[in-house]
Amino acid sequence: MTQTTQVKISSATEIPAHRSQQDIRAYNQAVILSAAEEEFVLQSYRGATMQGIADRAGLPKANIHYYFKNKKNLYKAVLRSIIEEWNEGLVTMTVDSDPKTVIEKFIRTKLQQAFTNPNRHKLFALEVIGGAPHLQEFMSTTMKEWALDKAKVMQTWHEQGKISIADPLQLLILIWATTQRYAEFETEIVGLLQKDAYDEQDQTRAADFLVPFILRGCGLE
């Protein structure tokens, strides 16, 4: 019988000593989402079960259904939480922001996310490779609007002479592609580096190469 490992929640999401119903709800949802993420990566959407997620979360199955009606709803919630976390790096950018600071921070944040939570990227990649059946509406509305809004800001930077990139949407795609590959193709890259796993220096090595490379392409030395 395969042993199920319960997920561990970081101290940042631990439930406060004096807990309110809102605290309990937020904590339980964080535990469930983390457990579901692991279950979906290891078992795929088809193979994952609500019972398996409950076992990983260390919660009764009824609790999982209380917060998320069914597996489909839970899967969508996991995917959306992943995208929202990734997009946080550009939430505050405006036409008045410094392009070099914004772009460098975005690259470094994306790399940090890729090295810290590779499973999130792998799960998202599997969904997209499969035609994104559970994300079609989200990707064609919320995600598309977000990307076009950020591209519009960068287009203004180009018109103001702040960056040399005339097609900022391609810049976003490039940053996504180069940073997320470290997670999605972890096995391949680790093998090329002749290692068994990433170490602390690998993220720094990637950032030290990608940041100046992309900034130069933007005309930001």
C-alpha atoms as a PDB file:
ATOM      1  CA  MET A   1       0.000   0.000   0.000  1.00  0.00           C
ATOM      2  CA  THR A   2       1.352   3.414  -0.943  1.00  0.00           C
ATOM      3  CA  GLN A   3       1.964   5.638   2.064  1.00  0.00           C
ATOM      4  CA  THR A   4       0.430   9.103   1.874  1.00  0.00           C
ATOM      5  CA  THR A   5       2.536  11.941   3.229  1.00  0.00           C
ATOM      6  CA  GLN A   6       0.633  14.717   4.950  1.00  0.00           C
ATOM      7  CA  VAL A   7       1.467  18.218   3.773  1.00  0.00           C
ATOM      8  CA  LYS A   8       3.256  20.690   6.008  1.00  0.00           C
ATOM      9  CA  ILE A   9       2.108  24.285   6.185  1.00  0.00           C
ATOM     10  CA  SER A  10       4.707  26.994   6.772  1.00  0.00           C
ATOM     11  CA  SER A  11       4.647  29.110   9.937  1.00  0.00           C
ATOM     12  CA  ALA A  12       3.373  32.024   7.840  1.00  0.00           C
ATOM     13  CA  THR A  13       0.065  30.207   7.410  1.00  0.00           C
ATOM     14  CA  GLU A  14      -0.194  28.691  10.896  1.00  0.00           C
ATOM     15  CA  ILE A  15      -3.422  29.363  12.690  1.00  0.00           C
ATOM     16  CA  PRO A  16      -3.232  32.107  15.356  1.00  0.00           C
ATOM     17  CA  ALA A  17      -3.587  31.201  19.047  1.00  0.00           C
ATOM     18  CA  HIS A  18      -6.664  33.407  19.380  1.00  0.00           C
ATOM     19  CA  ARG A  19      -8.433  32.209  16.290  1.00  0.00           C
ATOM     20  CA  SER A  20     -11.568  33.538  14.721  1.00  0.00           C
ATOM     21  CA  GLN A  21     -13.818  31.638  12.352  1.00  0.00           C
ATOM     22  CA  GLN A  22     -12.186  33.567   9.517  1.00  0.00           C
ATOM     23  CA  ASP A  23      -8.714  32.455  10.714  1.00  0.00           C
ATOM     24  CA  ILE A  24      -9.838  28.831  10.877  1.00  0.00           C
ATOM     25  CA  ARG A  25     -11.385  29.002   7.424  1.00  0.00           C
ATOM     26  CA  ALA A  26      -8.271  30.582   5.856  1.00  0.00           C
ATOM     27  CA  TYR A  27      -5.999  28.039   7.538  1.00  0.00           C
ATOM     28  CA  ASN A  28      -8.066  25.040   6.491  1.00  0.00           C
ATOM     29  CA  GLN A  29      -8.294  26.279   2.908  1.00  0.00           C
ATOM     30  CA  ALA A  30      -4.507  26.762   2.787  1.00  0.00           C
ATOM     31  CA  VAL A  31      -3.969  23.213   4.082  1.00  0.00           C
ATOM     32  CA  ILE A  32      -6.434  21.776   1.568  1.00  0.00           C
ATOM     33  CA  LEU A  33      -5.000  23.696  -1.396  1.00  0.00           C
ATOM     34  CA  SER A  34      -1.465  22.580  -0.522  1.00  0.00           C
ATOM     35  CA  ALA A  35      -2.556  18.955  -0.170  1.00  0.00           C
ATOM     36  CA  ALA A  36      -4.566  19.114  -3.396  1.00  0.00           C
ATOM     37  CA  GLU A  37      -1.630  20.592  -5.295  1.00  0.00           C
ATOM     38  CA  GLU A  38       0.563  17.654  -4.277  1.00  0.00           C
ATOM     39  CA  GLU A  39      -2.154  15.088  -5.030  1.00  0.00           C
ATOM     40  CA  PHE A  40      -2.848  16.510  -8.500  1.00  0.00           C
ATOM     41  CA  VAL A  41       0.856  16.618  -9.399  1.00  0.00           C
ATOM     42  CA  LEU A  42       1.499  13.048  -8.280  1.00  0.00           C
ATOM     43  CA  GLN A  43      -1.764  11.445  -9.402  1.00  0.00           C
ATOM     44  CA  SER A  44      -2.906  13.777 -12.231  1.00  0.00           C
ATOM     45  CA  TYR A  45      -6.373  15.280 -12.275  1.00  0.00           C
ATOM     46  CA  ARG A  46      -7.921  12.009 -13.403  1.00  0.00           C
ATOM     47  CA  GLY A  47      -6.180   9.903 -10.761  1.00  0.00           C
ATOM     48  CA  ALA A  48      -6.534  12.300  -7.815  1.00  0.00           C
ATOM     49  CA  THR A  49      -9.357  11.700  -5.357  1.00  0.00           C
ATOM     50  CA  MET A  50     -10.986  13.820  -2.670  1.00  0.00           C
ATOM     51  CA  GLN A  51     -10.143  11.063  -0.177  1.00  0.00           C
ATOM     52  CA  GLY A  52      -6.484  11.194  -1.218  1.00  0.00           C
ATOM     53  CA  ILE A  53      -6.477  14.958  -0.735  1.00  0.00           C
ATOM     54  CA  ALA A  54      -8.156  14.578   2.666  1.00  0.00           C
ATOM     55  CA  ASP A  55      -5.508  12.046   3.709  1.00  0.00           C
ATOM     56  CA  ARG A  56      -2.696  14.386   2.687  1.00  0.00           C
ATOM     57  CA  ALA A  57      -4.359  17.307   4.471  1.00  0.00           C
ATOM     58  CA  GLY A  58      -5.003  15.285   7.614  1.00  0.00           C
ATOM     59  CA  LEU A  59      -8.645  16.341   7.532  1.00  0.00           C
ATOM     60  CA  PRO A  60     -11.929  14.442   7.225  1.00  0.00           C
ATOM     61  CA  LYS A  61     -13.155  14.096   3.664  1.00  0.00           C
ATOM     62  CA  ALA A  62     -16.311  15.964   4.655  1.00  0.00           C
ATOM     63  CA  ASN A  63     -14.188  19.025   5.438  1.00  0.00           C
ATOM     64  CA  ILE A  64     -12.779  19.023   1.925  1.00  0.00           C
ATOM     65  CA  HIS A  65     -16.294  18.957   0.457  1.00  0.00           C
ATOM     66  CA  TYR A  66     -17.383  21.716   2.867  1.00  0.00           C
ATOM     67  CA  TYR A  67     -14.833  24.153   1.463  1.00  0.00           C
ATOM     68  CA  PHE A  68     -14.760  22.850  -2.112  1.00  0.00           C
ATOM     69  CA  LYS A  69     -17.897  21.164  -3.417  1.00  0.00           C
ATOM     70  CA  ASN A  70     -16.130  18.719  -5.715  1.00  0.00           C
ATOM     71  CA  LYS A  71     -12.785  17.793  -7.249  1.00  0.00           C
ATOM     72  CA  LYS A  72     -13.296  20.031 -10.263  1.00  0.00           C
ATOM     73  CA  ASN A  73     -13.884  23.120  -8.113  1.00  0.00           C
ATOM     74  CA  LEU A  74     -10.867  22.311  -5.972  1.00  0.00           C
ATOM     75  CA  TYR A  75      -8.655  21.771  -9.010  1.00  0.00           C
ATOM     76  CA  LYS A  76      -9.688  25.128 -10.464  1.00  0.00           C
ATOM     77  CA  ALA A  77      -9.011  26.819  -7.119  1.00  0.00           C
ATOM     78  CA  VAL A  78      -5.487  25.349  -7.042  1.00  0.00           C
ATOM     79  CA  LEU A  79      -4.733  26.508 -10.582  1.00  0.00           C
ATOM     80  CA  ARG A  80      -6.058  30.016  -9.951  1.00  0.00           C
ATOM     81  CA  SER A  81      -4.096  30.373  -6.716  1.00  0.00           C
ATOM     82  CA  ILE A  82      -0.947  29.453  -8.655  1.00  0.00           C
ATOM     83  CA  ILE A  83      -1.552  32.085 -11.332  1.00  0.00           C
ATOM     84  CA  GLU A  84      -2.450  34.767  -8.790  1.00  0.00           C
ATOM     85  CA  GLU A  85       0.793  34.122  -6.912  1.00  0.00           C
ATOM     86  CA  TRP A  86       2.831  34.344 -10.124  1.00  0.00           C
ATOM     87  CA  ASN A  87       1.193  37.611 -11.154  1.00  0.00           C
ATOM     88  CA  GLU A  88       1.849  39.360  -7.847  1.00  0.00           C
ATOM     89  CA  GLY A  89       5.250  40.493  -9.111  1.00  0.00           C
ATOM     90  CA  LEU A  90       3.684  43.016 -11.491  1.00  0.00           C
ATOM     91  CA  VAL A  91       0.580  44.047  -9.542  1.00  0.00           C
ATOM     92  CA  THR A  92       1.839  47.521  -8.625  1.00  0.00           C
ATOM     93  CA  MET A  93       3.553  48.466 -11.906  1.00  0.00           C
ATOM     94  CA  THR A  94       2.417  51.724 -13.541  1.00  0.00           C
ATOM     95  CA  VAL A  95       3.648  53.953 -16.358  1.00  0.00           C
ATOM     96  CA  ASP A  96       5.512  55.941 -13.687  1.00  0.00           C
ATOM     97  CA  SER A  97       7.391  52.898 -12.342  1.00  0.00           C
ATOM     98  CA  ASP A  98      11.077  52.441 -13.116  1.00  0.00           C
ATOM     99  CA  PRO A  99      11.221  49.791 -15.911  1.00  0.00           C
ATOM    100  CA  LYS A 100      14.575  48.358 -14.843  1.00  0.00           C
ATOM    101  CA  THR A 101      13.451  47.875 -11.244  1.00  0.00           C
ATOM    102  CA  VAL A 102      10.114  46.339 -12.250  1.00  0.00           C
ATOM    103  CA  ILE A 103      11.483  43.936 -14.859  1.00  0.00           C
ATOM    104  CA  GLU A 104      14.407  42.786 -12.706  1.00  0.00           C
ATOM    105  CA  LYS A 105      12.133  42.191  -9.715  1.00  0.00           C
ATOM    106  CA  PHE A 106       9.696  40.236 -11.880  1.00  0.00           C
ATOM    107  CA  ILE A 107      12.427  37.967 -13.251  1.00  0.00           C
ATOM    108  CA  ARG A 108      13.913  37.311  -9.819  1.00  0.00           C
ATOM    109  CA  THR A 109      10.487  36.684  -8.286  1.00  0.00           C
ATOM    110  CA  LYS A 110       9.559  34.243 -11.035  1.00  0.00           C
ATOM    111  CA  LEU A 111      12.831  32.369 -10.581  1.00  0.00           C
ATOM    112  CA  GLN A 112      12.357  32.228  -6.833  1.00  0.00           C
ATOM    113  CA  GLN A 113       8.874  30.776  -7.342  1.00  0.00           C
ATOM    114  CA  ALA A 114      10.177  28.233  -9.854  1.00  0.00           C
ATOM    115  CA  PHE A 115      12.943  26.967  -7.576  1.00  0.00           C
ATOM    116  CA  THR A 116      10.849  27.060  -4.398  1.00  0.00           C
ATOM    117  CA  ASN A 117       7.592  25.554  -5.722  1.00  0.00           C
ATOM    118  CA  PRO A 118       8.391  23.522  -8.863  1.00  0.00           C
ATOM    119  CA  ASN A 119       5.270  21.379  -8.430  1.00  0.00           C
ATOM    120  CA  ARG A 120       3.044  24.408  -9.030  1.00  0.00           C
ATOM    121  CA  HIS A 121       4.650  25.028 -12.405  1.00  0.00           C
ATOM    122  CA  LYS A 122       4.494  21.356 -13.354  1.00  0.00           C
ATOM    123  CA  LEU A 123       0.806  21.190 -12.527  1.00  0.00           C
ATOM    124  CA  PHE A 124       0.038  24.303 -14.555  1.00  0.00           C
ATOM    125  CA  ALA A 125       2.105  22.988 -17.484  1.00  0.00           C
ATOM    126  CA  LEU A 126       0.225  19.679 -17.459  1.00  0.00           C
ATOM    127  CA  GLU A 127      -3.086  21.541 -17.570  1.00  0.00           C
ATOM    128  CA  VAL A 128      -2.027  23.741 -20.496  1.00  0.00           C
ATOM    129  CA  ILE A 129      -0.469  20.855 -22.435  1.00  0.00           C
ATOM    130  CA  GLY A 130      -3.799  19.090 -22.082  1.00  0.00           C
ATOM    131  CA  GLY A 131      -5.578  22.023 -23.734  1.00  0.00           C
ATOM    132  CA  ALA A 132      -6.387  23.847 -20.475  1.00  0.00           C
ATOM    133  CA  PRO A 133      -9.922  22.396 -20.223  1.00  0.00           C
ATOM    134  CA  HIS A 134     -10.370  23.740 -16.692  1.00  0.00           C
ATOM    135  CA  LEU A 135      -8.826  27.154 -17.356  1.00  0.00           C
ATOM    136  CA  GLN A 136     -10.247  28.196 -20.709  1.00  0.00           C
ATOM    137  CA  GLU A 137     -12.637  30.805 -19.325  1.00  0.00           C
ATOM    138  CA  PHE A 138     -10.123  32.147 -16.808  1.00  0.00           C
ATOM    139  CA  MET A 139      -7.337  32.369 -19.402  1.00  0.00           C
ATOM    140  CA  SER A 140      -9.554  34.075 -21.973  1.00  0.00           C
ATOM    141  CA  THR A 141     -10.784  36.683 -19.486  1.00  0.00           C
ATOM    142  CA  THR A 142      -8.918  37.386 -16.237  1.00  0.00           C
ATOM    143  CA  MET A 143      -5.464  36.190 -17.319  1.00  0.00           C
ATOM    144  CA  LYS A 144      -5.713  37.766 -20.780  1.00  0.00           C
ATOM    145  CA  GLU A 145      -6.834  41.097 -19.323  1.00  0.00           C
ATOM    146  CA  TRP A 146      -3.942  41.029 -16.841  1.00  0.00           C
ATOM    147  CA  ALA A 147      -1.344  40.328 -19.547  1.00  0.00           C
ATOM    148  CA  LEU A 148      -2.707  42.961 -21.953  1.00  0.00           C
ATOM    149  CA  ASP A 149      -2.837  45.537 -19.159  1.00  0.00           C
ATOM    150  CA  LYS A 150       0.824  44.960 -18.267  1.00  0.00           C
ATOM    151  CA  ALA A 151       1.802  44.958 -21.942  1.00  0.00           C
ATOM    152  CA  LYS A 152       0.028  48.302 -22.358  1.00  0.00           C
ATOM    153  CA  VAL A 153       2.103  49.816 -19.545  1.00  0.00           C
ATOM    154  CA  MET A 154       5.285  48.504 -21.158  1.00  0.00           C
ATOM    155  CA  GLN A 155       4.163  49.836 -24.531  1.00  0.00           C
ATOM    156  CA  THR A 156       3.892  53.278 -22.936  1.00  0.00           C
ATOM    157  CA  TRP A 157       7.422  52.867 -21.599  1.00  0.00           C
ATOM    158  CA  HIS A 158       8.552  52.115 -25.148  1.00  0.00           C
ATOM    159  CA  GLU A 159       6.768  55.188 -26.512  1.00  0.00           C
ATOM    160  CA  GLN A 160       8.424  57.277 -23.804  1.00  0.00           C
ATOM    161  CA  GLY A 161      11.827  55.927 -24.816  1.00  0.00           C
ATOM    162  CA  LYS A 162      12.333  54.086 -21.526  1.00  0.00           C
ATOM    163  CA  ILE A 163      12.688  50.592 -23.061  1.00  0.00           C
ATOM    164  CA  SER A 164      13.630  49.455 -26.555  1.00  0.00           C
ATOM    165  CA  ILE A 165      11.193  46.510 -26.711  1.00  0.00           C
ATOM    166  CA  ALA A 166       8.440  47.367 -29.194  1.00  0.00           C
ATOM    167  CA  ASP A 167       6.420  44.183 -28.560  1.00  0.00           C
ATOM    168  CA  PRO A 168       6.060  43.911 -24.753  1.00  0.00           C
ATOM    169  CA  LEU A 169       3.737  40.917 -24.923  1.00  0.00           C
ATOM    170  CA  GLN A 170       6.646  38.930 -26.350  1.00  0.00           C
ATOM    171  CA  LEU A 171       8.754  40.146 -23.415  1.00  0.00           C
ATOM    172  CA  LEU A 172       6.228  38.728 -20.956  1.00  0.00           C
ATOM    173  CA  ILE A 173       6.171  35.424 -22.844  1.00  0.00           C
ATOM    174  CA  LEU A 174       9.975  35.318 -22.819  1.00  0.00           C
ATOM    175  CA  ILE A 175      10.166  35.877 -19.062  1.00  0.00           C
ATOM    176  CA  TRP A 176       7.523  33.224 -18.423  1.00  0.00           C
ATOM    177  CA  ALA A 177       9.306  30.749 -20.690  1.00  0.00           C
ATOM    178  CA  THR A 178      12.819  31.241 -19.339  1.00  0.00           C
ATOM    179  CA  THR A 179      11.973  31.307 -15.647  1.00  0.00           C
ATOM    180  CA  GLN A 180       9.313  28.595 -15.507  1.00  0.00           C
ATOM    181  CA  ARG A 181      11.426  26.107 -17.454  1.00  0.00           C
ATOM    182  CA  TYR A 182      13.661  25.661 -14.396  1.00  0.00           C
ATOM    183  CA  ALA A 183      10.649  24.127 -12.636  1.00  0.00           C
ATOM    184  CA  GLU A 184       8.805  22.402 -15.469  1.00  0.00           C
ATOM    185  CA  PHE A 185      11.967  20.737 -16.811  1.00  0.00           C
ATOM    186  CA  GLU A 186      13.741  20.348 -13.480  1.00  0.00           C
ATOM    187  CA  THR A 187      14.889  16.793 -14.208  1.00  0.00           C
ATOM    188  CA  GLU A 188      16.424  17.789 -17.547  1.00  0.00           C
ATOM    189  CA  ILE A 189      18.249  20.847 -16.215  1.00  0.00           C
ATOM    190  CA  VAL A 190      19.528  19.103 -13.093  1.00  0.00           C
ATOM    191  CA  GLY A 191      20.938  16.387 -15.355  1.00  0.00           C
ATOM    192  CA  LEU A 192      22.634  18.954 -17.581  1.00  0.00           C
ATOM    193  CA  LEU A 193      24.180  20.509 -14.484  1.00  0.00           C
ATOM    194  CA  GLN A 194      25.411  17.015 -13.535  1.00  0.00           C
ATOM    195  CA  LYS A 195      23.646  17.088 -10.186  1.00  0.00           C
ATOM    196  CA  ASP A 196      21.005  15.075  -8.375  1.00  0.00           C
ATOM    197  CA  ALA A 197      19.040  18.173  -7.343  1.00  0.00           C
ATOM    198  CA  TYR A 198      19.227  21.958  -7.367  1.00  0.00           C
ATOM    199  CA  ASP A 199      21.353  23.586  -4.695  1.00  0.00           C
ATOM    200  CA  GLU A 200      21.257  27.131  -3.266  1.00  0.00           C
ATOM    201  CA  GLN A 201      23.624  28.474  -5.909  1.00  0.00           C
ATOM    202  CA  ASP A 202      21.554  27.394  -8.907  1.00  0.00           C
ATOM    203  CA  GLN A 203      18.869  30.062  -8.503  1.00  0.00           C
ATOM    204  CA  THR A 204      21.550  32.746  -8.151  1.00  0.00           C
ATOM    205  CA  ARG A 205      23.366  31.400 -11.205  1.00  0.00           C
ATOM    206  CA  ALA A 206      20.160  31.535 -13.253  1.00  0.00           C
ATOM    207  CA  ALA A 207      19.303  35.050 -12.079  1.00  0.00           C
ATOM    208  CA  ASP A 208      22.823  36.350 -12.710  1.00  0.00           C
ATOM    209  CA  PHE A 209      22.514  35.200 -16.313  1.00  0.00           C
ATOM    210  CA  LEU A 210      18.884  35.999 -17.116  1.00  0.00           C
ATOM    211  CA  VAL A 211      18.543  39.418 -15.481  1.00  0.00           C
ATOM    212  CA  PRO A 212      21.321  41.235 -17.393  1.00  0.00           C
ATOM    213  CA  PHE A 213      20.527  39.278 -20.571  1.00  0.00           C
ATOM    214  CA  ILE A 214      16.877  40.382 -20.613  1.00  0.00           C
ATOM    215  CA  LEU A 215      17.605  43.909 -19.406  1.00  0.00           C
ATOM    216  CA  ARG A 216      20.080  44.372 -22.246  1.00  0.00           C
ATOM    217  CA  GLY A 217      17.417  43.244 -24.709  1.00  0.00           C
ATOM    218  CA  CYS A 218      15.159  45.952 -23.250  1.00  0.00           C
ATOM    219  CA  GLY A 219      17.886  48.580 -23.679  1.00  0.00           C
ATOM    220  CA  LEU A 220      18.335  48.766 -19.907  1.00  0.00           C
ATOM    221  CA  GLU A 221      22.016  48.417 -19.133  1.00  0.00           C
END
